[in-house]
C-alpha atoms as a PDB file:
ATOM      1  CA  MET A   1      37.298  -9.236 -85.546  1.00  0.00           C
ATOM      2  CA  SER A   2      35.013  -6.236 -84.939  1.00  0.00           C
ATOM      3  CA  GLU A   3      34.943  -3.144 -87.136  1.00  0.00           C
ATOM      4  CA  GLY A   4      36.857  -1.020 -84.626  1.00  0.00           C
ATOM      5  CA  ASP A   5      39.748  -3.429 -84.200  1.00  0.00           C
ATOM      6  CA  PRO A   6      42.951  -2.715 -86.178  1.00  0.00           C
ATOM      7  CA  PRO A   7      44.090  -5.296 -88.706  1.00  0.00           C
ATOM      8  CA  PRO A   8      46.338  -7.980 -87.171  1.00  0.00           C
ATOM      9  CA  ASP A   9      49.382  -6.841 -89.119  1.00  0.00           C
ATOM     10  CA  ARG A  10      48.977  -3.258 -87.846  1.00  0.00           C
ATOM     11  CA  ALA A  11      48.567  -4.503 -84.251  1.00  0.00           C
ATOM     12  CA  ILE A  12      51.762  -6.533 -84.595  1.00  0.00           C
ATOM     13  CA  GLU A  13      53.551  -3.527 -86.066  1.00  0.00           C
ATOM     14  CA  HIS A  14      52.334  -1.334 -83.175  1.00  0.00           C
ATOM     15  CA  ASP A  15      53.515  -3.886 -80.585  1.00  0.00           C
ATOM     16  CA  GLY A  16      56.868  -4.083 -82.335  1.00  0.00           C
ATOM     17  CA  ARG A  17      57.345  -0.327 -82.250  1.00  0.00           C
ATOM     18  CA  PHE A  18      56.352  -0.171 -78.585  1.00  0.00           C
ATOM     19  CA  GLY A  19      58.721  -3.023 -77.794  1.00  0.00           C
ATOM     20  CA  ARG A  20      61.600  -1.087 -79.351  1.00  0.00           C
ATOM     21  CA  VAL A  21      60.729   2.058 -77.397  1.00  0.00           C
ATOM     22  CA  ARG A  22      59.929   0.395 -74.046  1.00  0.00           C
ATOM     23  CA  PRO A  23      63.553  -0.041 -72.832  1.00  0.00           C
ATOM     24  CA  TYR A  24      64.060   3.727 -73.132  1.00  0.00           C
ATOM     25  CA  LEU A  25      60.903   4.787 -71.274  1.00  0.00           C
ATOM     26  CA  LYS A  26      62.232   4.217 -67.741  1.00  0.00           C
ATOM     27  CA  PRO A  27      65.576   6.045 -68.236  1.00  0.00           C
ATOM     28  CA  VAL A  28      63.787   8.943 -69.936  1.00  0.00           C
ATOM     29  CA  ALA A  29      61.254   9.138 -67.079  1.00  0.00           C
ATOM     30  CA  TYR A  30      64.128   9.159 -64.574  1.00  0.00           C
ATOM     31  CA  LEU A  31      65.834  11.984 -66.452  1.00  0.00           C
ATOM     32  CA  VAL A  32      62.641  14.061 -66.616  1.00  0.00           C
ATOM     33  CA  VAL A  33      61.985  13.654 -62.882  1.00  0.00           C
ATOM     34  CA  ALA A  34      65.639  14.385 -62.061  1.00  0.00           C
ATOM     35  CA  ALA A  35      65.603  17.507 -64.242  1.00  0.00           C
ATOM     36  CA  ALA A  36      62.448  18.785 -62.533  1.00  0.00           C
ATOM     37  CA  ALA A  37      63.906  18.115 -59.061  1.00  0.00           C
ATOM     38  CA  LEU A  38      67.188  19.797 -59.940  1.00  0.00           C
ATOM     39  CA  TYR A  39      65.312  22.823 -61.278  1.00  0.00           C
ATOM     40  CA  LEU A  40      63.538  23.200 -57.920  1.00  0.00           C
ATOM     41  CA  LEU A  41      66.811  22.710 -56.020  1.00  0.00           C
ATOM     42  CA  LEU A  42      68.856  24.968 -58.294  1.00  0.00           C
ATOM     43  CA  PRO A  43      69.002  27.971 -55.908  1.00  0.00           C
ATOM     44  CA  GLY A  44      70.587  25.823 -53.187  1.00  0.00           C
ATOM     45  CA  LEU A  45      73.101  24.322 -55.620  1.00  0.00           C
ATOM     46  CA  VAL A  46      74.022  27.774 -56.907  1.00  0.00           C
ATOM     47  CA  SER A  47      74.598  28.978 -53.333  1.00  0.00           C
ATOM     48  CA  VAL A  48      76.937  26.060 -52.648  1.00  0.00           C
ATOM     49  CA  PHE A  49      78.947  26.463 -55.844  1.00  0.00           C
ATOM     50  CA  SER A  50      79.088  30.235 -55.478  1.00  0.00           C
ATOM     51  CA  SER A  51      81.241  29.665 -52.376  1.00  0.00           C
ATOM     52  CA  PHE A  52      84.013  28.259 -54.584  1.00  0.00           C
ATOM     53  CA  ARG A  53      86.285  31.254 -53.974  1.00  0.00           C
ATOM     54  CA  SER A  54      86.247  30.562 -50.242  1.00  0.00           C
ATOM     55  CA  LEU A  55      88.209  27.365 -50.941  1.00  0.00           C
ATOM     56  CA  GLU A  56      91.273  29.567 -51.512  1.00  0.00           C
ATOM     57  CA  HIS A  57      91.457  30.050 -47.733  1.00  0.00           C
ATOM     58  CA  LEU A  58      91.256  26.376 -46.750  1.00  0.00           C
ATOM     59  CA  ASP A  59      93.483  24.713 -44.215  1.00  0.00           C
ATOM     60  CA  TRP A  60      94.912  22.530 -46.996  1.00  0.00           C
ATOM     61  CA  PRO A  61      96.386  19.679 -44.895  1.00  0.00           C
ATOM     62  CA  PHE A  62      92.875  18.929 -43.627  1.00  0.00           C
ATOM     63  CA  ALA A  63      91.436  19.281 -47.139  1.00  0.00           C
ATOM     64  CA  VAL A  64      93.948  16.703 -48.408  1.00  0.00           C
ATOM     65  CA  LEU A  65      93.142  14.479 -45.434  1.00  0.00           C
ATOM     66  CA  ALA A  66      89.453  14.670 -46.374  1.00  0.00           C
ATOM     67  CA  LEU A  67      90.372  13.333 -49.824  1.00  0.00           C
ATOM     68  CA  ILE A  68      92.495  10.519 -48.347  1.00  0.00           C
ATOM     69  CA  LEU A  69      89.681   9.498 -46.005  1.00  0.00           C
ATOM     70  CA  GLU A  70      87.195   9.491 -48.877  1.00  0.00           C
ATOM     71  CA  ILE A  71      89.501   7.187 -50.841  1.00  0.00           C
ATOM     72  CA  ALA A  72      89.645   4.909 -47.785  1.00  0.00           C
ATOM     73  CA  SER A  73      85.837   4.883 -47.833  1.00  0.00           C
ATOM     74  CA  TRP A  74      85.912   3.728 -51.480  1.00  0.00           C
ATOM     75  CA  VAL A  75      88.404   0.977 -50.625  1.00  0.00           C
ATOM     76  CA  CYS A  76      86.014  -0.314 -47.953  1.00  0.00           C
ATOM     77  CA  LEU A  77      83.224  -0.331 -50.539  1.00  0.00           C
ATOM     78  CA  TRP A  78      85.385  -2.245 -53.027  1.00  0.00           C
ATOM     79  CA  ASN A  79      86.254  -4.763 -50.328  1.00  0.00           C
ATOM     80  CA  LEU A  80      82.565  -5.182 -49.519  1.00  0.00           C
ATOM     81  CA  ASP A  81      81.858  -5.871 -53.201  1.00  0.00           C
ATOM     82  CA  ARG A  82      84.786  -8.322 -53.359  1.00  0.00           C
ATOM     83  CA  ILE A  83      83.396 -10.241 -50.397  1.00  0.00           C
ATOM     84  CA  ALA A  84      79.891 -10.305 -51.863  1.00  0.00           C
ATOM     85  CA  LEU A  85      81.213 -11.405 -55.273  1.00  0.00           C
ATOM     86  CA  GLY A  86      83.516 -14.008 -53.750  1.00  0.00           C
ATOM     87  CA  VAL A  87      86.595 -12.873 -55.689  1.00  0.00           C
ATOM     88  CA  SER A  88      90.113 -12.023 -54.590  1.00  0.00           C
ATOM     89  CA  GLY A  89      91.100  -9.466 -57.227  1.00  0.00           C
ATOM     90  CA  TRP A  90      90.678  -5.728 -56.787  1.00  0.00           C
ATOM     91  CA  PHE A  91      91.138  -4.276 -60.270  1.00  0.00           C
ATOM     92  CA  ALA A  92      87.934  -5.395 -61.972  1.00  0.00           C
ATOM     93  CA  VAL A  93      85.775  -4.735 -58.896  1.00  0.00           C
ATOM     94  CA  ALA A  94      87.175  -1.232 -58.313  1.00  0.00           C
ATOM     95  CA  CYS A  95      86.985  -0.241 -61.987  1.00  0.00           C
ATOM     96  CA  ALA A  96      83.456  -1.593 -62.398  1.00  0.00           C
ATOM     97  CA  GLN A  97      82.245   0.195 -59.258  1.00  0.00           C
ATOM     98  CA  LEU A  98      83.835   3.532 -60.215  1.00  0.00           C
ATOM     99  CA  ALA A  99      82.591   3.385 -63.800  1.00  0.00           C
ATOM    100  CA  GLY A 100      79.104   2.195 -62.856  1.00  0.00           C
ATOM    101  CA  ASN A 101      78.830   4.806 -60.131  1.00  0.00           C
ATOM    102  CA  ALA A 102      79.875   7.570 -62.525  1.00  0.00           C
ATOM    103  CA  LEU A 103      77.326   6.475 -65.129  1.00  0.00           C
ATOM    104  CA  GLY A 104      74.637   6.196 -62.460  1.00  0.00           C
ATOM    105  CA  ARG A 105      75.204   9.855 -61.563  1.00  0.00           C
ATOM    106  CA  ILE A 106      74.515  10.821 -65.162  1.00  0.00           C
ATOM    107  CA  VAL A 107      71.715   8.359 -65.977  1.00  0.00           C
ATOM    108  CA  PRO A 108      69.772   7.490 -62.797  1.00  0.00           C
ATOM    109  CA  GLY A 109      69.179   3.787 -62.249  1.00  0.00           C
ATOM    110  CA  SER A 110      72.039   2.641 -64.488  1.00  0.00           C
ATOM    111  CA  ALA A 111      74.781   2.094 -61.871  1.00  0.00           C
ATOM    112  CA  THR A 112      74.162  -1.557 -60.990  1.00  0.00           C
ATOM    113  CA  PRO A 113      73.262  -2.774 -64.526  1.00  0.00           C
ATOM    114  CA  SER A 114      76.375  -1.193 -66.045  1.00  0.00           C
ATOM    115  CA  THR A 115      78.550  -2.592 -63.218  1.00  0.00           C
ATOM    116  CA  VAL A 116      77.129  -6.073 -63.845  1.00  0.00           C
ATOM    117  CA  VAL A 117      77.877  -5.782 -67.564  1.00  0.00           C
ATOM    118  CA  MET A 118      81.510  -4.917 -66.815  1.00  0.00           C
ATOM    119  CA  LEU A 119      81.856  -7.753 -64.316  1.00  0.00           C
ATOM    120  CA  ARG A 120      80.468 -10.179 -66.884  1.00  0.00           C
ATOM    121  CA  ARG A 121      83.142  -8.998 -69.276  1.00  0.00           C
ATOM    122  CA  ALA A 122      85.695  -9.795 -66.564  1.00  0.00           C
ATOM    123  CA  GLY A 123      84.421 -13.369 -66.384  1.00  0.00           C
ATOM    124  CA  LEU A 124      81.797 -13.354 -63.632  1.00  0.00           C
ATOM    125  CA  ASP A 125      78.330 -14.786 -64.071  1.00  0.00           C
ATOM    126  CA  GLY A 126      75.855 -11.952 -64.616  1.00  0.00           C
ATOM    127  CA  GLY A 127      73.173 -13.354 -62.305  1.00  0.00           C
ATOM    128  CA  ASP A 128      75.628 -13.992 -59.495  1.00  0.00           C
ATOM    129  CA  ALA A 129      77.109 -10.513 -59.907  1.00  0.00           C
ATOM    130  CA  ALA A 130      73.662  -8.870 -59.815  1.00  0.00           C
ATOM    131  CA  ALA A 131      72.744 -10.803 -56.649  1.00  0.00           C
ATOM    132  CA  ALA A 132      76.064  -9.960 -54.974  1.00  0.00           C
ATOM    133  CA  LEU A 133      75.809  -6.254 -55.762  1.00  0.00           C
ATOM    134  CA  THR A 134      72.207  -6.205 -54.548  1.00  0.00           C
ATOM    135  CA  ALA A 135      73.293  -7.746 -51.240  1.00  0.00           C
ATOM    136  CA  SER A 136      76.149  -5.237 -50.978  1.00  0.00           C
ATOM    137  CA  THR A 137      73.781  -2.329 -51.661  1.00  0.00           C
ATOM    138  CA  LEU A 138      71.235  -3.576 -49.114  1.00  0.00           C
ATOM    139  CA  LEU A 139      73.959  -3.762 -46.478  1.00  0.00           C
ATOM    140  CA  GLN A 140      75.090  -0.208 -47.289  1.00  0.00           C
ATOM    141  CA  ILE A 141      71.511   1.119 -47.158  1.00  0.00           C
ATOM    142  CA  GLY A 142      70.907  -0.685 -43.866  1.00  0.00           C
ATOM    143  CA  THR A 143      73.973   0.995 -42.402  1.00  0.00           C
ATOM    144  CA  ALA A 144      72.829   4.388 -43.690  1.00  0.00           C
ATOM    145  CA  LEU A 145      69.341   3.916 -42.211  1.00  0.00           C
ATOM    146  CA  ALA A 146      70.710   2.774 -38.836  1.00  0.00           C
ATOM    147  CA  LEU A 147      73.093   5.705 -38.500  1.00  0.00           C
ATOM    148  CA  PRO A 148      70.530   8.463 -37.751  1.00  0.00           C
ATOM    149  CA  LEU A 149      68.753   6.191 -35.254  1.00  0.00           C
ATOM    150  CA  LEU A 150      71.994   5.741 -33.339  1.00  0.00           C
ATOM    151  CA  ALA A 151      72.796   9.466 -33.540  1.00  0.00           C
ATOM    152  CA  VAL A 152      69.448  10.558 -32.093  1.00  0.00           C
ATOM    153  CA  PRO A 153      70.227   9.609 -28.445  1.00  0.00           C
ATOM    154  CA  ALA A 154      73.367  11.769 -28.479  1.00  0.00           C
ATOM    155  CA  ILE A 155      71.352  14.675 -29.823  1.00  0.00           C
ATOM    156  CA  LEU A 156      68.508  14.287 -27.321  1.00  0.00           C
ATOM    157  CA  THR A 157      70.871  14.036 -24.360  1.00  0.00           C
ATOM    158  CA  GLY A 158      72.875  17.006 -25.619  1.00  0.00           C
ATOM    159  CA  ALA A 159      76.189  15.220 -25.109  1.00  0.00           C
ATOM    160  CA  PRO A 160      78.937  15.916 -25.658  1.00  0.00           C
ATOM    161  CA  VAL A 161      79.068  19.700 -25.353  1.00  0.00           C
ATOM    162  CA  ASP A 162      82.738  20.087 -26.312  1.00  0.00           C
ATOM    163  CA  ARG A 163      82.881  21.601 -29.802  1.00  0.00           C
ATOM    164  CA  GLY A 164      86.246  20.167 -30.775  1.00  0.00           C
ATOM    165  CA  LEU A 165      86.393  17.984 -33.859  1.00  0.00           C
ATOM    166  CA  GLU A 166      88.397  15.450 -31.859  1.00  0.00           C
ATOM    167  CA  THR A 167      85.292  14.932 -29.734  1.00  0.00           C
ATOM    168  CA  ALA A 168      83.228  14.579 -32.905  1.00  0.00           C
ATOM    169  CA  ALA A 169      85.646  11.917 -34.140  1.00  0.00           C
ATOM    170  CA  LEU A 170      85.391  10.021 -30.839  1.00  0.00           C
ATOM    171  CA  LEU A 171      81.608  10.226 -30.996  1.00  0.00           C
ATOM    172  CA  GLY A 172      81.788   8.857 -34.521  1.00  0.00           C
ATOM    173  CA  LEU A 173      84.026   6.001 -33.354  1.00  0.00           C
ATOM    174  CA  ALA A 174      81.531   5.113 -30.626  1.00  0.00           C
ATOM    175  CA  VAL A 175      78.678   5.095 -33.138  1.00  0.00           C
ATOM    176  CA  VAL A 176      80.742   2.950 -35.539  1.00  0.00           C
ATOM    177  CA  ILE A 177      81.354   0.349 -32.823  1.00  0.00           C
ATOM    178  CA  LEU A 178      77.656   0.433 -31.991  1.00  0.00           C
ATOM    179  CA  LEU A 179      76.783   0.033 -35.685  1.00  0.00           C
ATOM    180  CA  ILE A 180      78.928  -3.089 -35.928  1.00  0.00           C
ATOM    181  CA  ALA A 181      77.383  -4.543 -32.767  1.00  0.00           C
ATOM    182  CA  VAL A 182      73.808  -3.781 -33.852  1.00  0.00           C
ATOM    183  CA  GLY A 183      74.516  -5.059 -37.362  1.00  0.00           C
ATOM    184  CA  ALA A 184      75.875  -8.334 -35.984  1.00  0.00           C
ATOM    185  CA  VAL A 185      72.748  -8.805 -33.864  1.00  0.00           C
ATOM    186  CA  LEU A 186      70.373  -8.059 -36.750  1.00  0.00           C
ATOM    187  CA  LEU A 187      72.257 -10.358 -39.127  1.00  0.00           C
ATOM    188  CA  THR A 188      72.174 -13.303 -36.717  1.00  0.00           C
ATOM    189  CA  THR A 189      68.844 -13.033 -34.878  1.00  0.00           C
ATOM    190  CA  GLU A 190      65.322 -12.572 -36.156  1.00  0.00           C
ATOM    191  CA  ALA A 191      63.327 -11.163 -33.234  1.00  0.00           C
ATOM    192  CA  PRO A 192      65.033  -7.701 -33.069  1.00  0.00           C
ATOM    193  CA  LEU A 193      64.712  -7.289 -36.843  1.00  0.00           C
ATOM    194  CA  ARG A 194      61.018  -8.130 -36.732  1.00  0.00           C
ATOM    195  CA  TRP A 195      60.577  -5.601 -33.903  1.00  0.00           C
ATOM    196  CA  VAL A 196      62.273  -2.925 -36.029  1.00  0.00           C
ATOM    197  CA  GLY A 197      60.001  -3.817 -38.940  1.00  0.00           C
ATOM    198  CA  ARG A 198      56.836  -3.581 -36.821  1.00  0.00           C
ATOM    199  CA  VAL A 199      57.887  -0.215 -35.356  1.00  0.00           C
ATOM    200  CA  ALA A 200      58.771   1.180 -38.790  1.00  0.00           C
ATOM    201  CA  GLN A 201      55.463  -0.069 -40.210  1.00  0.00           C
ATOM    202  CA  SER A 202      53.473   1.518 -37.379  1.00  0.00           C
ATOM    203  CA  LEU A 203      55.292   4.846 -37.764  1.00  0.00           C
ATOM    204  CA  ILE A 204      54.764   4.925 -41.533  1.00  0.00           C
ATOM    205  CA  ASN A 205      51.060   4.049 -41.235  1.00  0.00           C
ATOM    206  CA  ALA A 206      50.594   6.669 -38.498  1.00  0.00           C
ATOM    207  CA  THR A 207      52.463   9.373 -40.446  1.00  0.00           C
ATOM    208  CA  PHE A 208      51.190   8.780 -43.970  1.00  0.00           C
ATOM    209  CA  ARG A 209      47.481   8.218 -44.435  1.00  0.00           C
ATOM    210  CA  ARG A 210      47.051   5.429 -46.983  1.00  0.00           C
ATOM    211  CA  ARG A 211      43.997   3.773 -48.467  1.00  0.00           C
ATOM    212  CA  HIS A 212      45.633   0.404 -47.803  1.00  0.00           C
ATOM    213  CA  PRO A 213      47.868   0.424 -44.686  1.00  0.00           C
ATOM    214  CA  LEU A 214      51.397  -0.819 -45.177  1.00  0.00           C
ATOM    215  CA  GLN A 215      51.847  -4.455 -44.204  1.00  0.00           C
ATOM    216  CA  GLY A 216      54.565  -7.080 -44.172  1.00  0.00           C
ATOM    217  CA  VAL A 217      57.534  -4.779 -43.423  1.00  0.00           C
ATOM    218  CA  ALA A 218      58.961  -7.177 -40.833  1.00  0.00           C
ATOM    219  CA  ASP A 219      58.734 -10.110 -43.255  1.00  0.00           C
ATOM    220  CA  GLU A 220      60.412  -8.038 -45.968  1.00  0.00           C
ATOM    221  CA  LEU A 221      63.268  -7.046 -43.677  1.00  0.00           C
ATOM    222  CA  VAL A 222      63.854 -10.653 -42.644  1.00  0.00           C
ATOM    223  CA  SER A 223      63.739 -11.724 -46.288  1.00  0.00           C
ATOM    224  CA  ASP A 224      66.322  -9.074 -47.253  1.00  0.00           C
ATOM    225  CA  ARG A 225      68.528 -10.065 -44.294  1.00  0.00           C
ATOM    226  CA  ASP A 226      68.370 -13.721 -45.281  1.00  0.00           C
ATOM    227  CA  PHE A 227      69.257 -12.785 -48.860  1.00  0.00           C
ATOM    228  CA  ILE A 228      72.308 -10.813 -47.679  1.00  0.00           C
ATOM    229  CA  VAL A 229      73.543 -13.614 -45.422  1.00  0.00           C
ATOM    230  CA  MET A 230      72.917 -16.293 -48.049  1.00  0.00           C
ATOM    231  CA  THR A 231      74.680 -14.292 -50.768  1.00  0.00           C
ATOM    232  CA  ILE A 232      77.675 -13.162 -48.731  1.00  0.00           C
ATOM    233  CA  GLY A 233      77.998 -16.419 -46.818  1.00  0.00           C
ATOM    234  CA  ARG A 234      80.432 -17.062 -43.985  1.00  0.00           C
ATOM    235  CA  ARG A 235      82.312 -13.773 -44.504  1.00  0.00           C
ATOM    236  CA  TRP A 236      79.364 -11.657 -43.362  1.00  0.00           C
ATOM    237  CA  ARG A 237      81.403 -10.268 -40.445  1.00  0.00           C
ATOM    238  CA  ALA A 238      84.079  -8.897 -42.779  1.00  0.00           C
ATOM    239  CA  ALA A 239      81.332  -7.557 -45.060  1.00  0.00           C
ATOM    240  CA  LEU A 240      79.657  -5.790 -42.126  1.00  0.00           C
ATOM    241  CA  VAL A 241      82.941  -4.195 -41.015  1.00  0.00           C
ATOM    242  CA  SER A 242      83.600  -3.035 -44.591  1.00  0.00           C
ATOM    243  CA  ALA A 243      80.105  -1.523 -44.881  1.00  0.00           C
ATOM    244  CA  VAL A 244      80.529   0.330 -41.584  1.00  0.00           C
ATOM    245  CA  GLY A 245      84.069   1.379 -42.581  1.00  0.00           C
ATOM    246  CA  ASN A 246      82.680   2.848 -45.789  1.00  0.00           C
ATOM    247  CA  THR A 247      80.383   5.033 -43.691  1.00  0.00           C
ATOM    248  CA  ALA A 248      82.968   5.817 -40.987  1.00  0.00           C
ATOM    249  CA  PHE A 249      85.661   7.116 -43.331  1.00  0.00           C
ATOM    250  CA  ASP A 250      83.066   9.155 -45.210  1.00  0.00           C
ATOM    251  CA  TYR A 251      81.985  10.739 -41.920  1.00  0.00           C
ATOM    252  CA  LEU A 252      85.598  11.528 -41.023  1.00  0.00           C
ATOM    253  CA  ALA A 253      86.004  13.151 -44.450  1.00  0.00           C
ATOM    254  CA  LEU A 254      83.137  15.507 -43.562  1.00  0.00           C
ATOM    255  CA  LEU A 255      84.824  16.318 -40.232  1.00  0.00           C
ATOM    256  CA  CYS A 256      88.069  17.174 -42.042  1.00  0.00           C
ATOM    257  CA  ALA A 257      86.133  19.345 -44.498  1.00  0.00           C
ATOM    258  CA  LEU A 258      84.706  21.242 -41.530  1.00  0.00           C
ATOM    259  CA  ARG A 259      88.152  21.600 -39.980  1.00  0.00           C
ATOM    260  CA  ALA A 260      89.525  22.806 -43.309  1.00  0.00           C
ATOM    261  CA  VAL A 261      87.105  25.761 -43.266  1.00  0.00           C
ATOM    262  CA  GLY A 262      87.810  26.502 -39.581  1.00  0.00           C
ATOM    263  CA  ALA A 263      84.446  25.355 -38.188  1.00  0.00           C
ATOM    264  CA  SER A 264      83.951  23.882 -34.692  1.00  0.00           C
ATOM    265  CA  PRO A 265      80.363  22.646 -34.538  1.00  0.00           C
ATOM    266  CA  ARG A 266      78.632  20.641 -31.835  1.00  0.00           C
ATOM    267  CA  PRO A 267      79.692  16.993 -32.391  1.00  0.00           C
ATOM    268  CA  SER A 268      76.321  15.311 -31.872  1.00  0.00           C
ATOM    269  CA  LEU A 269      74.742  17.623 -34.431  1.00  0.00           C
ATOM    270  CA  VAL A 270      77.582  16.955 -36.886  1.00  0.00           C
ATOM    271  CA  MET A 271      76.619  13.297 -36.640  1.00  0.00           C
ATOM    272  CA  PHE A 272      73.000  14.248 -37.292  1.00  0.00           C
ATOM    273  CA  ALA A 273      74.033  16.382 -40.278  1.00  0.00           C
ATOM    274  CA  TYR A 274      75.998  13.505 -41.754  1.00  0.00           C
ATOM    275  CA  ALA A 275      73.200  11.001 -41.095  1.00  0.00           C
ATOM    276  CA  SER A 276      70.723  13.336 -42.808  1.00  0.00           C
ATOM    277  CA  ALA A 277      73.031  13.638 -45.817  1.00  0.00           C
ATOM    278  CA  GLU A 278      73.296   9.828 -45.994  1.00  0.00           C
ATOM    279  CA  LEU A 279      69.519   9.494 -46.064  1.00  0.00           C
ATOM    280  CA  LEU A 280      69.097  12.289 -48.607  1.00  0.00           C
ATOM    281  CA  ALA A 281      71.657  10.571 -50.852  1.00  0.00           C
ATOM    282  CA  GLN A 282      69.197   7.666 -51.087  1.00  0.00           C
ATOM    283  CA  VAL A 283      66.497   9.928 -52.578  1.00  0.00           C
ATOM    284  CA  PRO A 284      65.905   8.389 -56.023  1.00  0.00           C
ATOM    285  CA  LEU A 285      64.713  11.605 -57.654  1.00  0.00           C
ATOM    286  CA  THR A 286      68.244  12.771 -58.507  1.00  0.00           C
ATOM    287  CA  PRO A 287      71.455  10.776 -58.994  1.00  0.00           C
ATOM    288  CA  GLY A 288      73.340  10.486 -55.708  1.00  0.00           C
ATOM    289  CA  GLY A 289      70.829  12.823 -54.054  1.00  0.00           C
ATOM    290  CA  LEU A 290      72.302  15.784 -55.961  1.00  0.00           C
ATOM    291  CA  GLY A 291      70.723  18.977 -54.701  1.00  0.00           C
ATOM    292  CA  PHE A 292      68.971  17.271 -51.788  1.00  0.00           C
ATOM    293  CA  VAL A 293      72.252  16.467 -50.034  1.00  0.00           C
ATOM    294  CA  GLU A 294      73.670  19.967 -50.559  1.00  0.00           C
ATOM    295  CA  ALA A 295      70.532  21.689 -49.276  1.00  0.00           C
ATOM    296  CA  GLY A 296      70.110  19.338 -46.321  1.00  0.00           C
ATOM    297  CA  LEU A 297      73.774  19.365 -45.316  1.00  0.00           C
ATOM    298  CA  VAL A 298      74.051  23.160 -45.377  1.00  0.00           C
ATOM    299  CA  GLY A 299      70.892  23.451 -43.276  1.00  0.00           C
ATOM    300  CA  THR A 300      71.868  20.877 -40.658  1.00  0.00           C
ATOM    301  CA  LEU A 301      75.443  22.165 -40.384  1.00  0.00           C
ATOM    302  CA  THR A 302      74.041  25.633 -39.776  1.00  0.00           C
ATOM    303  CA  LEU A 303      71.850  24.199 -37.009  1.00  0.00           C
ATOM    304  CA  ALA A 304      74.986  22.548 -35.610  1.00  0.00           C
ATOM    305  CA  GLY A 305      76.522  25.980 -35.109  1.00  0.00           C
ATOM    306  CA  VAL A 306      78.522  26.348 -38.322  1.00  0.00           C
ATOM    307  CA  PRO A 307      78.285  29.889 -39.758  1.00  0.00           C
ATOM    308  CA  GLY A 308      76.475  30.069 -43.097  1.00  0.00           C
ATOM    309  CA  PRO A 309      79.527  30.801 -45.318  1.00  0.00           C
ATOM    310  CA  ALA A 310      81.566  28.062 -43.591  1.00  0.00           C
ATOM    311  CA  ALA A 311      78.680  25.589 -43.960  1.00  0.00           C
ATOM    312  CA  LEU A 312      78.531  26.323 -47.694  1.00  0.00           C
ATOM    313  CA  ALA A 313      82.292  25.947 -48.095  1.00  0.00           C
ATOM    314  CA  ALA A 314      82.463  22.728 -46.059  1.00  0.00           C
ATOM    315  CA  THR A 315      79.556  21.244 -48.029  1.00  0.00           C
ATOM    316  CA  LEU A 316      81.225  22.171 -51.306  1.00  0.00           C
ATOM    317  CA  LEU A 317      84.550  20.629 -50.286  1.00  0.00           C
ATOM    318  CA  TYR A 318      82.909  17.463 -48.978  1.00  0.00           C
ATOM    319  CA  ARG A 319      80.809  17.011 -52.118  1.00  0.00           C
ATOM    320  CA  LEU A 320      83.811  17.695 -54.356  1.00  0.00           C
ATOM    321  CA  VAL A 321      85.698  14.737 -52.901  1.00  0.00           C
ATOM    322  CA  SER A 322      82.698  12.435 -52.345  1.00  0.00           C
ATOM    323  CA  TYR A 323      80.480  13.166 -55.361  1.00  0.00           C
ATOM    324  CA  TRP A 324      82.221  15.065 -58.149  1.00  0.00           C
ATOM    325  CA  LEU A 325      85.731  13.576 -58.058  1.00  0.00           C
ATOM    326  CA  PRO A 326      84.455  10.002 -58.724  1.00  0.00           C
ATOM    327  CA  LEU A 327      82.916  11.170 -62.028  1.00  0.00           C
ATOM    328  CA  PRO A 328      86.184  11.701 -63.968  1.00  0.00           C
ATOM    329  CA  LEU A 329      87.781   8.813 -62.062  1.00  0.00           C
ATOM    330  CA  GLY A 330      84.942   6.614 -63.300  1.00  0.00           C
ATOM    331  CA  GLY A 331      85.778   7.512 -66.892  1.00  0.00           C
ATOM    332  CA  LEU A 332      89.451   6.721 -66.345  1.00  0.00           C
ATOM    333  CA  ALA A 333      88.520   3.450 -64.620  1.00  0.00           C
ATOM    334  CA  TYR A 334      86.385   2.440 -67.603  1.00  0.00           C
ATOM    335  CA  LEU A 335      89.247   3.109 -70.024  1.00  0.00           C
ATOM    336  CA  ALA A 336      91.635   1.085 -67.841  1.00  0.00           C
ATOM    337  CA  PHE A 337      89.088  -1.729 -67.672  1.00  0.00           C
ATOM    338  CA  ARG A 338      88.637  -1.724 -71.443  1.00  0.00           C
ATOM    339  CA  ARG A 339      92.376  -1.796 -71.941  1.00  0.00           C
ATOM    340  CA  ARG A 340      92.725  -4.946 -69.818  1.00  0.00           C
ATOM    341  CA  TYR A 341      89.551  -6.819 -70.727  1.00  0.00           C
ATOM    342  CA  GLY A 342      88.589  -5.398 -74.120  1.00  0.00           C
ATOM    343  CA  THR A 343      85.101  -6.381 -75.264  1.00  0.00           C
ATOM    344  CA  ALA A 344      85.367 -10.169 -74.893  1.00  0.00           C
ATOM    345  CA  HIS A 345      84.366 -12.145 -71.804  1.00  0.00           C
ATOM    346  CA  ARG A 346      87.250 -13.445 -69.703  1.00  0.00           C
ATOM    347  CA  THR A 347      87.378 -16.457 -67.414  1.00  0.00           C
ATOM    348  CA  GLY A 348      88.470 -14.818 -64.160  1.00  0.00           C
ATOM    349  CA  VAL A 349      88.699 -11.600 -62.216  1.00  0.00           C
END
């Protein structure tokens, strides 16, 4: 041992202290980054929440319908998780998803681990649950990433020009059917998925100058697809429909929020606004894309022809039912889960 080296016992003590601190480093780093991002986005959030008084003048039947549609979106998500987990019960899956989602919007990165812990308490194997939830999440993200690509042709062609929300709903239905068809092709054939991977890789390398160009995107996409199919198994069609339904009902909730504030935007641009919000929600800097979604949605709705005050009010209403309402519901779901399962592991869901 050289003169500059610490004594072995001190080195062991240092490693022990670092080992105790290490599990907290990642959550703390997430919180610091999220706090910095929220600070930069604070003016946009304040503008959205300052429109709270405008909710007094809502068309309340459509506001209630927005809530009902958002609940339908959650049910589709729970069904997707049930299929991935291979269970028939709803209670444990719904409670674990609500509670994990609520915690993930307070502590970034904690949603899936906390959901897995709850599912283990309900009797599921932890590794199987983690794999199933990963497959479910990948399918949701794939749907979210495909949505703006399918909305772009409608925007470029400028159709339809009718500003009625009924037309927007029909456009959404057409895109949903197309999502299911495209999803079925990508889940069953390899060549189109590899083409998508090569195009995405070329675009990223052409847009972002990197010391080492991005490689292997096509292989990664095929690997993720194979993982989803292997994990979900023969019920992949039902899983795909549930994933698309989760997105479709959420989109309809946004349409009802717009109708509740009396807005009649251009339908193709409403689709683009929603697709942008879906992508911004995947930004890992803040939980659930908080701040990014509000700023992006207000901006794109304004471009879609919604007046500024109405865009703020519609964004606030939509985020109340899709983002903020699940927080207290997650706490109630956790209490209900604890009441049924306690702290001991059970043998079934």
